[in-house]
Structure formats: structure tokens, C-alpha cells
């Protein structure tokens, strides 16, 4: 009976176990939602969003200057660096005005440089800690930090902005 009373520690999305809670910067974050990033008919990765408090309003998530994590567990055999970088750039261009995009250009270049080719099973986390910045961790190894809440807001817009990478993944990450 004790086993039945314990909360689930993970959910499964497209065969990938996604934890329901994580710790980031000393804060416990809860899974807000998770879904699959598909391109055409190809499943590329399972994307997840972690926040301190559940939130279904995309703009509120983007604007909040609080700890958050976007996780990506790759399920496609190989995504070349150039395709990953092109996807980041396209998502930013679709969701930011020209002036904001221009002001972030050096930090976007730094962020893009952190990514190698990614393979099935690779795990990427994009962690935001206020005052520190956005840290990219790939398979448990930190690749660097990009400073600025404005940069993190821009990144979140890729998944949660007015023109998200896919509307299905946006809805899933918002728990809808």
C-alpha cells in the first residue's frame, strides 16, 4: 500500500522518462510539461519545461526572471551542429524584432558555439539562474554560460513565443 501512495517520479514521453522534479540553484523545480519536437514526420527530441510554480501562460513564463530549465532528450539518430544552429537562429528570428536580435548577436554566437552534433540519447539542459545567466549542459558537462535575462527570454521564445518551433510542443510544455 505504501508503494501506491508514493508519487510518480517520472512520466514517459515517446519512450523517454522525464523527471517530475529537479533541483536547480538550490531550488526545486517541477515539470510544467513535456512533449515531442517533430520536424515533418521525424521525432527529433523530447522537450521539457521546469518551473518553480506551474504556469500555462506562455508570456508569463518568458518574462519571469526566475529559475527555469528547458530539457531536450534527443531521440533522432543524429542532428548535425549546423542544423541545430540554424534551428536556434530561425526560432530567434521568428520571435524577436530586428533591434533585439541585433543586440543579442554576440551572445547568440556564443550560445551556438556550445553545440556539437547531437545524437540519439544525448541530453541537453538549458538552465536559467537569475544573476548568473543561461547555462548549457550537454550530457552532464557544462558548455558555458550566457549572461542576461534578456537572452534567456529570447531563448524561451523559441519554444513559447508567438511563432514557436511547433505549436504542439508549446502546448505540451505549458501543460495543456
Protein backbone atom coordinates (compact mmCIF):
# COMPACT_ATOMS: atom_id res chain seq x y z
CA UNK A 1 0.00 0.00 0.00
CA UNK A 2 2.94 2.34 0.67
CA UNK A 3 4.10 1.94 -2.93
CA UNK A 4 0.71 3.05 -4.21
CA UNK A 5 0.81 6.18 -2.05
CA UNK A 6 4.18 7.35 -3.41
CA UNK A 7 4.09 9.97 -6.20
CA UNK A 8 5.38 9.07 -9.63
CA UNK A 9 8.99 10.12 -10.14
CA UNK A 10 8.80 10.40 -13.91
CA UNK A 11 6.47 10.45 -16.85
CA UNK A 12 7.16 8.80 -20.18
CA UNK A 13 7.09 10.77 -23.43
CA UNK A 14 7.95 8.99 -26.69
CA UNK A 15 9.80 6.30 -24.75
CA UNK A 16 11.84 8.83 -22.73
CA UNK A 17 11.46 9.10 -18.95
CA UNK A 18 11.05 12.74 -17.88
CA UNK A 19 11.56 13.51 -14.18
CA UNK A 20 8.71 15.26 -12.42
CA UNK A 21 11.09 17.33 -10.24
CA UNK A 22 14.66 18.61 -10.48
CA UNK A 23 16.91 20.81 -8.34
CA UNK A 24 18.48 23.90 -9.88
CA UNK A 25 20.45 26.54 -8.00
CA UNK A 26 19.16 25.16 -4.71
CA UNK A 27 15.54 25.45 -5.87
CA UNK A 28 13.19 22.56 -6.54
CA UNK A 29 11.54 22.89 -9.93
CA UNK A 30 8.52 20.93 -11.10
CA UNK A 31 7.84 19.60 -14.56
CA UNK A 32 5.49 22.10 -16.17
CA UNK A 33 5.05 19.96 -19.28
CA UNK A 34 6.83 17.86 -21.88
CA UNK A 35 6.28 16.88 -25.50
CA UNK A 36 7.95 15.86 -28.72
CA UNK A 37 9.69 18.17 -31.19
CA UNK A 38 8.92 16.79 -34.61
CA UNK A 39 10.04 18.08 -37.97
CA UNK A 40 7.79 16.81 -40.72
CA UNK A 41 7.26 13.19 -39.58
CA UNK A 42 10.61 12.81 -37.80
CA UNK A 43 10.68 12.87 -33.99
CA UNK A 44 13.79 14.89 -33.07
CA UNK A 45 13.74 15.29 -29.26
CA UNK A 46 11.56 15.24 -26.17
CA UNK A 47 11.38 18.77 -24.82
CA UNK A 48 10.53 19.60 -21.21
CA UNK A 49 9.99 22.75 -19.19
CA UNK A 50 10.65 23.03 -15.44
CA UNK A 51 9.46 25.90 -13.25
CA UNK A 52 9.07 26.57 -9.52
CA UNK A 53 5.32 27.00 -9.99
CA UNK A 54 3.18 25.56 -12.76
CA UNK A 55 2.28 28.14 -15.38
CA UNK A 56 0.18 27.84 -18.54
CA UNK A 57 0.64 31.43 -19.76
CA UNK A 58 3.50 31.44 -22.29
CA UNK A 59 4.28 35.15 -21.97
CA UNK A 60 4.42 34.89 -18.17
CA UNK A 61 6.95 32.05 -18.48
CA UNK A 62 9.06 34.02 -20.97
CA UNK A 63 9.01 37.19 -18.86
CA UNK A 64 9.65 35.60 -15.44
CA UNK A 65 13.15 36.28 -14.09
CA UNK A 66 13.23 33.05 -12.06
CA UNK A 67 15.00 29.69 -12.19
CA UNK A 68 13.89 27.53 -15.09
CA UNK A 69 15.06 24.62 -17.20
CA UNK A 70 14.36 23.58 -20.73
CA UNK A 71 15.43 19.99 -21.29
CA UNK A 72 15.93 18.16 -24.56
CA UNK A 73 16.46 14.41 -24.81
CA UNK A 74 17.37 13.57 -28.39
CA UNK A 75 15.57 10.62 -29.96
CA UNK A 76 16.69 11.08 -33.56
CA UNK A 77 19.88 9.31 -34.66
CA UNK A 78 21.91 12.44 -35.46
CA UNK A 79 21.30 16.18 -35.64
CA UNK A 80 24.26 18.00 -37.14
CA UNK A 81 25.57 21.12 -35.41
CA UNK A 82 24.75 23.26 -38.45
CA UNK A 83 21.11 22.14 -38.31
CA UNK A 84 20.88 22.81 -34.57
CA UNK A 85 22.38 26.29 -35.01
CA UNK A 86 20.08 27.01 -37.97
CA UNK A 87 17.07 25.99 -35.87
CA UNK A 88 18.10 28.28 -32.98
CA UNK A 89 18.64 31.17 -35.37
CA UNK A 90 15.35 30.61 -37.17
CA UNK A 91 13.41 30.43 -33.88
CA UNK A 92 15.00 33.63 -32.62
CA UNK A 93 14.44 35.47 -35.91
CA UNK A 94 10.75 34.47 -35.94
CA UNK A 95 10.13 35.68 -32.39
CA UNK A 96 12.33 38.78 -31.95
CA UNK A 97 12.30 42.19 -33.56
CA UNK A 98 15.36 43.19 -35.59
CA UNK A 99 16.76 45.54 -32.92
CA UNK A 100 16.58 42.89 -30.17
CA UNK A 101 18.08 40.26 -32.46
CA UNK A 102 20.95 42.62 -33.33
CA UNK A 103 21.62 43.46 -29.68
CA UNK A 104 21.86 39.76 -28.80
CA UNK A 105 24.01 38.76 -31.79
CA UNK A 106 27.32 38.25 -29.87
CA UNK A 107 25.60 36.21 -27.17
CA UNK A 108 23.69 34.15 -29.75
CA UNK A 109 27.03 33.35 -31.43
CA UNK A 110 28.48 32.27 -28.06
CA UNK A 111 25.42 30.07 -27.41
CA UNK A 112 25.56 28.50 -30.88
CA UNK A 113 29.26 27.68 -30.46
CA UNK A 114 28.43 25.48 -27.45
CA UNK A 115 26.68 22.84 -29.54
CA UNK A 116 28.29 19.83 -31.23
CA UNK A 117 26.50 17.30 -33.42
CA UNK A 118 23.82 15.71 -31.24
CA UNK A 119 22.88 12.03 -31.28
CA UNK A 120 20.12 9.79 -30.04
CA UNK A 121 20.35 9.59 -26.26
CA UNK A 122 22.10 12.96 -25.85
CA UNK A 123 20.61 15.14 -23.13
CA UNK A 124 20.76 18.93 -23.29
CA UNK A 125 19.63 21.24 -20.50
CA UNK A 126 19.29 24.97 -20.80
CA UNK A 127 19.21 26.26 -17.23
CA UNK A 128 18.48 29.82 -16.24
CA UNK A 129 19.53 31.18 -12.84
CA UNK A 130 18.88 34.91 -12.21
CA UNK A 131 22.11 36.83 -11.74
CA UNK A 132 24.17 34.01 -13.28
CA UNK A 133 22.66 33.55 -16.73
CA UNK A 134 21.77 30.71 -19.04
CA UNK A 135 23.93 27.60 -18.74
CA UNK A 136 24.07 24.94 -21.43
CA UNK A 137 24.81 21.43 -20.15
CA UNK A 138 25.21 18.55 -22.60
CA UNK A 139 25.34 15.01 -21.22
CA UNK A 140 26.24 16.36 -17.79
CA UNK A 141 29.07 18.63 -18.96
CA UNK A 142 28.71 22.40 -18.77
CA UNK A 143 29.45 24.04 -22.11
CA UNK A 144 29.26 27.58 -20.77
CA UNK A 145 27.04 30.40 -19.55
CA UNK A 146 25.47 33.25 -21.46
CA UNK A 147 24.66 36.25 -19.26
CA UNK A 148 21.45 38.24 -19.25
CA UNK A 149 17.78 37.78 -18.50
CA UNK A 150 17.09 39.28 -21.94
CA UNK A 151 18.99 36.43 -23.59
CA UNK A 152 17.02 33.83 -21.63
CA UNK A 153 13.72 35.48 -22.58
CA UNK A 154 14.80 35.32 -26.22
CA UNK A 155 15.65 31.62 -25.94
CA UNK A 156 12.35 30.74 -24.26
CA UNK A 157 10.55 32.43 -27.15
CA UNK A 158 11.85 29.69 -29.47
CA UNK A 159 9.52 27.23 -27.76
CA UNK A 160 6.94 29.52 -26.19
CA UNK A 161 6.82 32.65 -28.35
CA UNK A 162 4.16 33.78 -30.79
CA UNK A 163 5.81 31.66 -33.51
CA UNK A 164 7.09 28.61 -31.61
CA UNK A 165 9.17 25.81 -33.07
CA UNK A 166 5.91 23.79 -33.09
CA UNK A 167 2.57 24.67 -31.54
CA UNK A 168 2.14 21.10 -30.25
CA UNK A 169 5.39 21.25 -28.28
CA UNK A 170 4.49 24.70 -26.94
CA UNK A 171 1.14 23.39 -25.68
CA UNK A 172 2.79 20.33 -24.14
CA UNK A 173 5.47 22.38 -22.36
CA UNK A 174 2.73 24.63 -20.97
CA UNK A 175 0.90 21.58 -19.63
CA UNK A 176 -2.05 21.96 -21.99
